[in-house]
Amino acid sequence: MIIKGGTPINRHWVVVLRNASTVIDWGDGLFQDILTGDFSHGTEAEISHTILDNELEQMKRMNQIFHYDANFVYVHPLPEYPHDAID
C-alpha cells in the first residue's frame, strides 16, 4: 500500500502520556505532541502506554493522522526541534 501524505513515524515511538496526550517519544526525555507539534521534556514515568489500534483509528477518523499500519504512524507535518546552528 502506498501512503499519499504524512511523515512516517515508527509506531513504537508514538505513546500516550498519563495526561492523555499523544506524543512522539524522541528519546532522552524529549516528547513532541502529535496534534500541536509542541515539544516538552518528561520522564518515562509519564508514559502510560504505546498507542493502541483503537486510539489510532479514532485519530484517523478525526483527521489527526493520515494513516497507520503495523510499523508506522503517518502524521501531519510537524515542526523540527529548534537547535543552534553550528558556527
Protein backbone atom coordinates (compact mmCIF):
# COMPACT_ATOMS: atom_id res chain seq x y z
CA MET A 1 0.00 0.00 0.00
CA ILE A 2 1.33 3.44 -0.95
CA ILE A 3 0.58 6.19 1.54
CA LYS A 4 0.00 9.58 -0.01
CA GLY A 5 0.91 12.19 2.55
CA GLY A 6 2.21 12.16 6.03
CA THR A 7 5.53 11.63 7.67
CA PRO A 8 6.14 8.03 8.77
CA ILE A 9 7.00 7.72 12.46
CA ASN A 10 7.97 4.39 13.98
CA ARG A 11 4.84 3.18 15.73
CA HIS A 12 6.78 2.20 18.87
CA TRP A 13 7.75 5.84 19.34
CA VAL A 14 4.11 7.01 19.50
CA VAL A 15 2.95 6.88 23.10
CA VAL A 16 0.08 8.10 25.23
CA LEU A 17 1.03 10.01 28.35
CA ARG A 18 -0.77 9.69 31.67
CA ASN A 19 -2.38 13.09 30.96
CA ALA A 20 -3.90 11.54 27.76
CA SER A 21 -1.65 13.49 25.35
CA THR A 22 -0.46 11.55 22.31
CA VAL A 23 3.21 12.25 21.70
CA ILE A 24 6.25 11.05 19.82
CA ASP A 25 8.96 9.89 22.21
CA TRP A 26 12.16 11.08 20.55
CA GLY A 27 14.28 9.67 23.38
CA ASP A 28 16.33 11.36 26.10
CA GLY A 29 13.13 12.71 27.65
CA LEU A 30 12.05 14.70 24.58
CA PHE A 31 8.38 14.43 23.60
CA GLN A 32 6.52 16.06 20.70
CA ASP A 33 2.75 16.41 20.76
CA ILE A 34 1.25 14.93 17.58
CA LEU A 35 -1.63 17.43 17.47
CA THR A 36 0.18 20.68 18.27
CA GLY A 37 3.79 19.93 17.36
CA ASP A 38 4.88 21.34 20.72
CA PHE A 39 7.98 19.90 22.33
CA SER A 40 8.27 19.09 26.01
CA HIS A 41 10.66 17.30 28.31
CA GLY A 42 9.46 14.49 30.53
CA THR A 43 10.28 11.15 32.03
CA GLU A 44 9.44 7.53 31.28
CA ALA A 45 7.14 7.62 34.32
CA GLU A 46 4.82 10.00 32.42
CA ILE A 47 4.19 7.40 29.69
CA SER A 48 1.01 5.39 30.10
CA HIS A 49 1.35 3.08 27.09
CA THR A 50 2.32 2.68 23.44
CA ILE A 51 -0.60 3.80 21.29
CA LEU A 52 -3.25 1.18 20.56
CA ASP A 53 -5.07 0.41 17.30
CA ASN A 54 -8.38 1.77 18.55
CA GLU A 55 -6.72 5.06 19.55
CA LEU A 56 -5.05 5.35 16.15
CA GLU A 57 -8.31 4.55 14.38
CA GLN A 58 -10.05 7.35 16.29
CA MET A 59 -7.23 9.78 15.43
CA LYS A 60 -7.51 8.78 11.77
CA ARG A 61 -11.29 9.34 11.75
CA MET A 62 -10.72 12.78 13.29
CA ASN A 63 -8.06 13.56 10.63
CA GLN A 64 -5.37 13.93 13.29
CA ILE A 65 -3.15 11.43 11.44
CA PHE A 66 -3.11 10.32 7.82
CA HIS A 67 -2.79 6.57 8.29
CA TYR A 68 -1.19 3.83 10.38
CA ASP A 69 -0.08 0.26 9.92
CA ALA A 70 1.78 -2.32 11.97
CA ASN A 71 5.06 -0.40 11.71
CA PHE A 72 4.35 3.29 11.22
CA VAL A 73 2.03 6.15 12.07
CA TYR A 74 1.81 8.68 9.22
CA VAL A 75 1.48 12.10 10.84
CA HIS A 76 0.78 15.57 9.52
CA PRO A 77 3.87 17.76 9.09
CA LEU A 78 5.38 18.73 12.44
CA PRO A 79 7.90 21.44 13.28
CA GLU A 80 11.51 20.44 13.72
CA TYR A 81 13.15 20.73 17.11
CA PRO A 82 14.82 24.15 17.35
CA HIS A 83 18.57 23.90 17.63
CA ASP A 84 21.50 26.24 17.40
CA ALA A 85 23.31 26.44 14.09
CA ILE A 86 26.87 25.15 14.05
CA ASP A 87 29.34 28.01 13.74
